[in-house]
C-alpha cells in the first residue's frame, strides 16, 4: 500500500516529500499542511487522506464507515451572544425555552424510533441555568437509562460556570453526576482571534475551549472537536486551529472525532464579506485534517452540511464517519441548509455502501453495534464524482 501511494503521487510531484513523510509515519508540520492546502492536485491530497484513513483503521476495518442512530435536541434558541454568523439564536418572536417536560416529550419521540444517543445543545440562556440542565439530564437518564447523553458544548460549560460562580470542573462534575456521558465539539469556530473579532465572537477563546475539553477528558468524558469555515478565515488559520487540537489531544487523549463544518449565511449579514467554501475547500479540510490530526481516531463528513453527494466523496478523502440519522437538525437549517432534516438508517447504509464502503452502526464512543453487508455498486469513479461536484460549485 505504501509503495502504491508514492507511485500514484509521483516522484516529481510538489508534495512528494510530504507523501513520503505520511508513508513513513512522520508527523506533518505547519508548513506541510499549508502546502497541501495550496497544492493544485486535489486528488493527490485526497489519496493521501485515504491512505492515512486506511492505515489508522487497520486491514480488517479499512473499509468501515460509521454512523449512529441518534437525534438532536435543542432546549432553547435564545442566546445572550451575538455571533454574526449564527442564524439559530435569538429569532425574535420565535424564541423558545422548553420546560423539562417538553424536553422529555421530545426525547420520547426519538427513543420510540430506536435511537441510542441524544445530542443536546442550545443557546446561552440565563433561564436555562445549571440547575435546569441538571434536571433535564437527570430526567432523561431516569426514564431512558440506556440512552447516551452527548450534551453541553464548552461554550455552554463556560457560560454556566460563570453564571453559577464555580469552576469549569465543578460544573462538569455536577452535569456528569446528573447524567452527562460525553460532550460535543461545538463552539470552537476558528480559534484565530482576528477572525473571531470580525465575526463578533466574544465567547470561549481557544485556551478556554481547550481547557474545558481537557478537564472533561480527565474526568473520563470523551468529546469531539469542530472547525467552522466560511467566516473569513485563511488557510493558515485552519492549520493553526488543527495544530492546537492536535497539541491538546497529545495531552489529554479524549477527542473521539474531528468534524470540519461550513457556515451557511441565510439570516446573516456576512456573505458579502467572506468567501464561501467551495467543494474543493471542503474536501481538502477532510483530507488535511486526517493527515494533520494523526492522533484523532475518526474524521467526520457531516452530511447535514455537506449534502449526500459531497459526503460520499469525502469518504474517499479520509473521512470514516457520516454522523447520524439526527431526526431533526435546527442550527444549520436555520441558516439555510437544504439538506434533509433526517435520514433513515437504511438511507445512511445505502449512501455508505454505494460509495464503496462497509456501513457500520456504532454507539457514541465507537463501539460497533452492527456491521452491514453492503450491496455491490457500479457507481461512477471517484475522479468522475469529484469532477462533477467541482464543476457544480463553480
Protein backbone atom coordinates (compact mmCIF):
# COMPACT_ATOMS: atom_id res chain seq x y z
CA UNK A 1 0.00 0.00 0.00
CA UNK A 2 2.85 2.41 0.85
CA UNK A 3 4.63 1.87 -2.47
CA UNK A 4 1.36 2.29 -4.33
CA UNK A 5 0.54 5.70 -2.87
CA UNK A 6 4.03 7.02 -3.62
CA UNK A 7 3.73 5.87 -7.22
CA UNK A 8 0.31 7.46 -7.52
CA UNK A 9 1.55 10.78 -6.17
CA UNK A 10 4.65 10.63 -8.34
CA UNK A 11 8.29 11.36 -7.58
CA UNK A 12 8.11 14.69 -9.42
CA UNK A 13 5.07 15.93 -7.51
CA UNK A 14 5.45 19.11 -5.48
CA UNK A 15 4.18 17.16 -2.47
CA UNK A 16 6.29 14.01 -2.98
CA UNK A 17 8.29 14.78 0.17
CA UNK A 18 5.07 15.16 2.19
CA UNK A 19 3.78 11.88 0.79
CA UNK A 20 6.99 10.19 1.92
CA UNK A 21 6.54 11.62 5.43
CA UNK A 22 2.97 10.28 5.52
CA UNK A 23 4.15 6.83 4.45
CA UNK A 24 6.97 6.88 7.00
CA UNK A 25 4.61 7.95 9.79
CA UNK A 26 6.40 11.26 10.36
CA UNK A 27 4.18 13.97 11.83
CA UNK A 28 3.35 16.79 9.42
CA UNK A 29 4.41 20.35 10.18
CA UNK A 30 2.51 23.61 9.80
CA UNK A 31 4.37 24.26 6.54
CA UNK A 32 3.43 20.81 5.22
CA UNK A 33 -0.25 21.39 5.89
CA UNK A 34 -0.23 24.82 4.25
CA UNK A 35 1.46 23.34 1.17
CA UNK A 36 -1.24 20.68 0.95
CA UNK A 37 -3.94 23.35 1.03
CA UNK A 38 -2.17 25.24 -1.77
CA UNK A 39 -1.28 22.22 -3.92
CA UNK A 40 -3.13 22.25 -7.22
CA UNK A 41 -3.82 18.48 -7.40
CA UNK A 42 -6.87 17.90 -5.21
CA UNK A 43 -7.00 14.17 -5.93
CA UNK A 44 -3.39 13.71 -4.79
CA UNK A 45 -4.25 15.35 -1.46
CA UNK A 46 -7.33 13.14 -1.22
CA UNK A 47 -5.33 9.99 -1.92
CA UNK A 48 -3.01 10.82 0.97
CA UNK A 49 -6.01 11.33 3.26
CA UNK A 50 -7.46 7.99 2.18
CA UNK A 51 -4.11 6.26 2.72
CA UNK A 52 -3.92 7.67 6.25
CA UNK A 53 -7.51 6.59 6.96
CA UNK A 54 -6.87 3.01 5.88
CA UNK A 55 -3.68 2.73 7.85
CA UNK A 56 -5.29 4.13 11.01
CA UNK A 57 -8.22 1.71 10.72
CA UNK A 58 -6.11 -1.39 10.06
CA UNK A 59 -6.68 -4.05 7.39
CA UNK A 60 -9.79 -5.57 8.99
CA UNK A 61 -11.62 -2.24 9.24
CA UNK A 62 -10.13 -0.20 6.40
CA UNK A 63 -13.45 -0.14 4.51
CA UNK A 64 -15.58 0.62 7.57
CA UNK A 65 -17.61 3.84 7.62
CA UNK A 66 -19.55 4.58 10.78
CA UNK A 67 -22.91 6.12 11.57
CA UNK A 68 -25.12 6.36 14.64
CA UNK A 69 -28.88 6.24 15.17
CA UNK A 70 -29.34 9.48 17.11
CA UNK A 71 -31.40 12.62 17.50
CA UNK A 72 -30.57 16.29 18.00
CA UNK A 73 -32.36 18.10 20.79
CA UNK A 74 -32.19 21.87 21.35
CA UNK A 75 -33.88 23.01 24.59
CA UNK A 76 -33.59 26.75 23.86
CA UNK A 77 -32.73 29.01 20.96
CA UNK A 78 -32.34 32.20 22.99
CA UNK A 79 -28.72 33.29 23.37
CA UNK A 80 -27.02 36.21 25.05
CA UNK A 81 -24.25 36.05 22.45
CA UNK A 82 -24.49 37.80 19.06
CA UNK A 83 -22.08 35.91 16.79
CA UNK A 84 -22.57 37.37 13.32
CA UNK A 85 -22.61 34.01 11.53
CA UNK A 86 -25.38 32.48 13.67
CA UNK A 87 -28.97 32.33 12.38
CA UNK A 88 -30.24 29.94 15.02
CA UNK A 89 -30.14 32.06 18.17
CA UNK A 90 -32.42 34.97 19.09
CA UNK A 91 -35.13 34.59 16.40
CA UNK A 92 -37.37 37.31 17.85
CA UNK A 93 -40.93 36.14 18.41
CA UNK A 94 -39.88 32.56 17.62
CA UNK A 95 -37.56 32.29 20.60
CA UNK A 96 -38.33 29.40 22.95
CA UNK A 97 -37.17 27.78 26.16
CA UNK A 98 -38.53 24.30 26.81
CA UNK A 99 -39.59 23.02 30.19
CA UNK A 100 -38.12 19.78 31.47
CA UNK A 101 -41.36 18.02 30.48
CA UNK A 102 -41.12 19.40 26.93
CA UNK A 103 -37.56 18.13 26.64
CA UNK A 104 -38.72 14.72 27.85
CA UNK A 105 -41.54 14.66 25.31
CA UNK A 106 -39.06 15.36 22.51
CA UNK A 107 -36.71 12.65 23.81
CA UNK A 108 -39.54 10.11 23.91
CA UNK A 109 -40.19 10.68 20.23
CA UNK A 110 -36.63 9.70 19.41
CA UNK A 111 -36.48 6.76 21.78
CA UNK A 112 -39.64 5.34 20.21
CA UNK A 113 -37.75 5.28 16.91
CA UNK A 114 -34.88 3.30 18.42
CA UNK A 115 -32.18 5.95 18.86
CA UNK A 116 -29.27 5.28 21.20
CA UNK A 117 -27.86 8.82 21.51
CA UNK A 118 -29.28 12.26 22.26
CA UNK A 119 -27.10 15.14 21.06
CA UNK A 120 -28.22 18.16 23.05
CA UNK A 121 -27.01 21.76 22.66
CA UNK A 122 -28.71 25.14 22.96
CA UNK A 123 -28.27 28.87 23.31
CA UNK A 124 -26.80 30.67 26.30
CA UNK A 125 -29.98 31.48 28.17
CA UNK A 126 -29.98 32.71 31.80
CA UNK A 127 -33.34 30.98 32.32
CA UNK A 128 -31.69 27.66 31.46
CA UNK A 129 -29.11 27.65 34.23
CA UNK A 130 -27.04 24.82 35.69
CA UNK A 131 -29.90 23.58 37.88
CA UNK A 132 -32.13 23.42 34.80
CA UNK A 133 -29.67 21.27 32.86
CA UNK A 134 -29.09 19.03 35.87
CA UNK A 135 -32.85 18.44 35.98
CA UNK A 136 -33.04 17.82 32.23
CA UNK A 137 -30.19 15.32 32.18
CA UNK A 138 -31.40 13.52 35.28
CA UNK A 139 -34.96 13.29 33.94
CA UNK A 140 -33.83 11.81 30.63
CA UNK A 141 -31.50 9.34 32.35
CA UNK A 142 -34.19 8.27 34.81
CA UNK A 143 -36.67 7.45 32.05
CA UNK A 144 -34.15 6.22 29.47
CA UNK A 145 -31.04 4.97 31.28
CA UNK A 146 -29.78 3.23 28.14
CA UNK A 147 -29.57 6.46 26.11
CA UNK A 148 -26.15 8.09 25.81
CA UNK A 149 -26.33 11.82 26.52
CA UNK A 150 -23.84 13.79 24.44
CA UNK A 151 -24.54 17.33 25.56
CA UNK A 152 -23.23 20.76 26.52
CA UNK A 153 -20.56 22.41 24.40
CA UNK A 154 -17.55 24.06 26.01
CA UNK A 155 -19.29 27.38 25.36
CA UNK A 156 -22.24 26.27 27.47
CA UNK A 157 -19.95 24.96 30.19
CA UNK A 158 -18.14 28.31 30.35
CA UNK A 159 -21.43 30.22 30.49
CA UNK A 160 -22.99 28.03 33.18
CA UNK A 161 -19.81 28.16 35.26
CA UNK A 162 -19.75 31.95 35.15
CA UNK A 163 -23.48 32.13 35.86
CA UNK A 164 -23.07 29.90 38.89
CA UNK A 165 -19.74 31.37 40.05
CA UNK A 166 -17.98 27.99 40.15
CA UNK A 167 -15.12 26.36 38.26
CA UNK A 168 -15.41 24.52 34.94
CA UNK A 169 -14.50 21.30 36.72
CA UNK A 170 -17.26 21.76 39.30
CA UNK A 171 -19.79 22.44 36.56
CA UNK A 172 -18.75 19.36 34.61
CA UNK A 173 -18.80 17.21 37.76
CA UNK A 174 -22.38 18.25 38.54
CA UNK A 175 -23.55 17.62 34.97
CA UNK A 176 -21.71 14.29 34.83
CA UNK A 177 -23.38 13.23 38.06
CA UNK A 178 -26.76 14.22 36.59
CA UNK A 179 -26.26 12.06 33.51
CA UNK A 180 -23.82 13.69 31.07
CA UNK A 181 -21.94 10.95 29.19
CA UNK A 182 -19.85 12.91 26.66
CA UNK A 183 -19.53 16.35 25.08
CA UNK A 184 -19.94 17.63 21.51
CA UNK A 185 -17.30 19.87 19.97
CA UNK A 186 -19.38 22.90 19.03
CA UNK A 187 -18.31 26.46 19.70
CA UNK A 188 -14.69 26.08 18.61
CA UNK A 189 -15.43 28.03 15.41
CA UNK A 190 -11.97 29.21 14.26
CA UNK A 191 -9.52 29.78 17.10
CA UNK A 192 -7.83 32.77 15.41
CA UNK A 193 -8.66 35.91 17.38
CA UNK A 194 -8.64 38.18 14.34
CA UNK A 195 -11.34 36.18 12.60
CA UNK A 196 -13.34 35.91 15.80
CA UNK A 197 -13.20 39.67 16.34
CA UNK A 198 -14.56 40.33 12.84
CA UNK A 199 -17.39 37.87 13.46
CA UNK A 200 -18.13 39.38 16.89
CA UNK A 201 -17.36 36.10 18.67
CA UNK A 202 -16.83 37.00 22.33
CA UNK A 203 -17.39 33.53 23.76
CA UNK A 204 -14.88 30.89 24.80
CA UNK A 205 -11.46 31.76 23.30
CA UNK A 206 -9.16 28.94 22.21
CA UNK A 207 -7.38 28.47 25.54
CA UNK A 208 -10.70 28.24 27.42
CA UNK A 209 -12.29 25.86 24.90
CA UNK A 210 -9.24 23.59 25.04
CA UNK A 211 -9.04 23.79 28.84
CA UNK A 212 -12.66 22.71 29.26
CA UNK A 213 -12.23 19.76 26.92
CA UNK A 214 -9.04 18.79 28.72
CA UNK A 215 -10.90 18.82 32.05
CA UNK A 216 -13.65 16.67 30.56
CA UNK A 217 -11.08 14.19 29.25
CA UNK A 218 -9.50 13.99 32.68
CA UNK A 219 -12.90 13.04 34.11
CA UNK A 220 -13.29 10.22 31.58
CA UNK A 221 -15.70 12.12 29.34
CA UNK A 222 -14.93 11.72 25.64
CA UNK A 223 -15.56 14.70 23.38
CA UNK A 224 -15.50 15.71 19.72
CA UNK A 225 -13.87 18.76 18.10
CA UNK A 226 -15.02 21.06 15.30
CA UNK A 227 -13.78 23.79 12.98
CA UNK A 228 -16.11 26.26 11.26
CA UNK A 229 -15.08 27.61 7.86
CA UNK A 230 -16.52 30.29 5.60
CA UNK A 231 -16.30 33.04 8.24
CA UNK A 232 -13.36 34.99 6.84
CA UNK A 233 -10.55 32.60 7.72
CA UNK A 234 -7.49 31.85 5.59
CA UNK A 235 -5.61 28.59 5.15
CA UNK A 236 -3.13 29.43 7.91
CA UNK A 237 -5.98 29.95 10.40
CA UNK A 238 -7.34 26.48 9.64
CA UNK A 239 -3.95 24.83 10.01
CA UNK A 240 -3.24 26.61 13.30
CA UNK A 241 -6.68 25.52 14.57
CA UNK A 242 -5.86 21.88 13.83
CA UNK A 243 -2.43 22.13 15.42
CA UNK A 244 -3.91 23.43 18.68
CA UNK A 245 -6.34 20.50 18.68
CA UNK A 246 -3.50 18.06 17.99
CA UNK A 247 -1.49 19.50 20.86
CA UNK A 248 -4.45 19.16 23.25
CA UNK A 249 -5.06 15.58 22.11
CA UNK A 250 -1.42 14.73 22.83
CA UNK A 251 -2.03 15.92 26.39
CA UNK A 252 -5.49 14.62 27.27
CA UNK A 253 -6.27 11.97 24.60
CA UNK A 254 -10.06 12.28 24.88
CA UNK A 255 -11.13 13.51 21.45
CA UNK A 256 -13.00 10.83 19.51
CA UNK A 257 -13.57 12.68 16.27
CA UNK A 258 -12.89 15.85 14.31
CA UNK A 259 -15.72 17.49 12.34
CA UNK A 260 -14.98 20.18 9.72
CA UNK A 261 -18.04 22.43 9.37
CA UNK A 262 -19.05 25.16 6.92
CA UNK A 263 -21.06 28.30 7.52
CA UNK A 264 -24.46 28.89 5.95
CA UNK A 265 -25.41 32.54 5.54
CA UNK A 266 -29.18 32.86 5.38
CA UNK A 267 -30.32 35.28 8.06
CA UNK A 268 -26.84 36.81 8.49
CA UNK A 269 -25.16 39.91 7.05
CA UNK A 270 -21.70 38.47 6.39
CA UNK A 271 -21.93 36.82 2.97
CA UNK A 272 -20.51 39.84 1.11
CA UNK A 273 -17.52 39.98 3.47
CA UNK A 274 -16.37 36.37 3.31
CA UNK A 275 -15.60 33.70 0.75
CA UNK A 276 -17.93 30.74 0.82
CA UNK A 277 -16.03 27.43 0.95
CA UNK A 278 -16.02 25.57 -2.36
CA UNK A 279 -16.32 21.80 -2.71
CA UNK A 280 -12.55 21.77 -3.23
CA UNK A 281 -12.06 23.59 0.10
CA UNK A 282 -14.35 21.22 1.97
CA UNK A 283 -12.69 18.10 0.61
CA UNK A 284 -9.26 19.48 1.50
CA UNK A 285 -10.48 20.13 5.05
CA UNK A 286 -11.37 16.45 5.31
CA UNK A 287 -8.13 15.11 3.83
CA UNK A 288 -5.75 17.51 5.52
CA UNK A 289 -7.39 17.12 8.92
CA UNK A 290 -6.92 13.36 8.55
CA UNK A 291 -3.23 13.92 7.85
CA UNK A 292 -2.54 16.63 10.45
CA UNK A 293 -4.70 15.18 13.25
CA UNK A 294 -2.76 11.94 13.36
CA UNK A 295 -3.86 11.35 16.97
CA UNK A 296 -7.62 11.64 16.26
CA UNK A 297 -9.26 8.25 15.69
CA UNK A 298 -12.02 9.49 13.37
CA UNK A 299 -12.79 12.26 10.87
CA UNK A 300 -16.45 13.01 10.17
CA UNK A 301 -18.09 14.02 6.89
CA UNK A 302 -21.13 15.77 8.36
CA UNK A 303 -23.77 15.00 5.75
CA UNK A 304 -26.19 17.66 7.09
CA UNK A 305 -23.81 20.37 5.91
CA UNK A 306 -22.01 18.72 3.02
CA UNK A 307 -25.05 17.16 1.40
CA UNK A 308 -25.26 13.50 0.48
CA UNK A 309 -23.17 13.59 -2.72
CA UNK A 310 -20.22 15.52 -1.30
CA UNK A 311 -20.29 13.49 1.92
CA UNK A 312 -19.98 10.32 -0.15
CA UNK A 313 -16.94 11.70 -1.98
CA UNK A 314 -15.42 12.82 1.34
CA UNK A 315 -15.31 9.16 2.37
CA UNK A 316 -12.56 8.71 -0.22
CA UNK A 317 -10.64 11.70 1.14
CA UNK A 318 -10.08 10.35 4.64
CA UNK A 319 -13.44 10.59 6.41
CA UNK A 320 -14.73 7.43 8.08
CA UNK A 321 -17.97 8.68 9.65
CA UNK A 322 -21.17 10.25 8.30
CA UNK A 323 -22.58 11.28 11.71
CA UNK A 324 -26.13 10.08 12.36
CA UNK A 325 -29.78 9.84 11.47
CA UNK A 326 -30.33 13.03 13.56
CA UNK A 327 -34.19 13.10 13.29
CA UNK A 328 -34.33 16.93 13.27
CA UNK A 329 -31.46 19.38 12.89
CA UNK A 330 -32.21 23.05 13.60
CA UNK A 331 -28.97 25.04 13.78
CA UNK A 332 -27.66 24.60 10.23
CA UNK A 333 -31.13 24.60 8.72
CA UNK A 334 -31.91 27.91 10.42
CA UNK A 335 -29.11 29.38 8.29
CA UNK A 336 -30.39 27.98 5.02
CA UNK A 337 -29.19 24.39 4.67
CA UNK A 338 -31.38 22.50 2.19
CA UNK A 339 -30.33 19.00 3.20
CA UNK A 340 -32.97 16.69 4.69
CA UNK A 341 -33.80 17.10 8.36
CA UNK A 342 -33.12 13.42 8.92
CA UNK A 343 -32.03 10.23 7.18
CA UNK A 344 -33.34 6.76 7.90
CA UNK A 345 -30.82 4.11 8.90
CA UNK A 346 -31.41 2.35 5.61
CA UNK A 347 -30.54 5.50 3.67
CA UNK A 348 -27.35 6.01 5.68
CA UNK A 349 -26.34 2.47 4.89
CA UNK A 350 -27.18 2.92 1.22
CA UNK A 351 -25.06 6.07 0.96
CA UNK A 352 -22.07 4.35 2.55
CA UNK A 353 -22.48 1.16 0.52
CA UNK A 354 -22.82 2.97 -2.80
CA UNK A 355 -19.66 4.90 -2.05
CA UNK A 356 -17.87 1.55 -1.93
CA UNK A 357 -17.55 1.16 1.84
CA UNK A 358 -18.96 -1.08 4.56
CA UNK A 359 -21.68 0.56 6.69
CA UNK A 360 -21.15 0.14 10.43
CA UNK A 361 -23.69 1.21 13.02
CA UNK A 362 -21.88 2.43 16.14
CA UNK A 363 -22.60 3.88 19.54
CA UNK A 364 -21.32 7.29 20.65
CA UNK A 365 -17.86 6.07 21.66
CA UNK A 366 -17.45 3.95 18.52
CA UNK A 367 -18.30 0.55 19.90
CA UNK A 368 -19.63 -1.42 16.94
CA UNK A 369 -23.31 -2.36 17.15
CA UNK A 370 -23.76 -3.86 13.68
CA UNK A 371 -21.72 -4.38 10.51
CA UNK A 372 -23.92 -4.26 7.40
CA UNK A 373 -23.37 -6.24 4.23
CA UNK A 374 -23.04 -3.50 1.61
CA UNK A 375 -24.56 -4.07 -1.83
CA UNK A 376 -22.38 -4.25 -4.91
CA UNK A 377 -22.14 -0.88 -6.58
CA UNK A 378 -21.40 0.29 -10.08
CA UNK A 379 -21.18 3.93 -9.08
CA UNK A 380 -19.02 6.24 -11.20
CA UNK A 381 -15.35 6.62 -10.34
CA UNK A 382 -14.03 8.98 -7.70
CA UNK A 383 -12.47 11.09 -10.45
CA UNK A 384 -15.86 11.43 -12.16
CA UNK A 385 -17.61 12.26 -8.89
CA UNK A 386 -15.06 14.90 -7.97
CA UNK A 387 -15.14 16.44 -11.45
CA UNK A 388 -18.93 16.74 -11.42
CA UNK A 389 -19.01 18.17 -7.91
CA UNK A 390 -16.32 20.74 -8.61
CA UNK A 391 -18.00 21.74 -11.85
CA UNK A 392 -21.27 22.27 -10.00
CA UNK A 393 -19.60 24.52 -7.43
CA UNK A 394 -18.01 26.89 -9.95
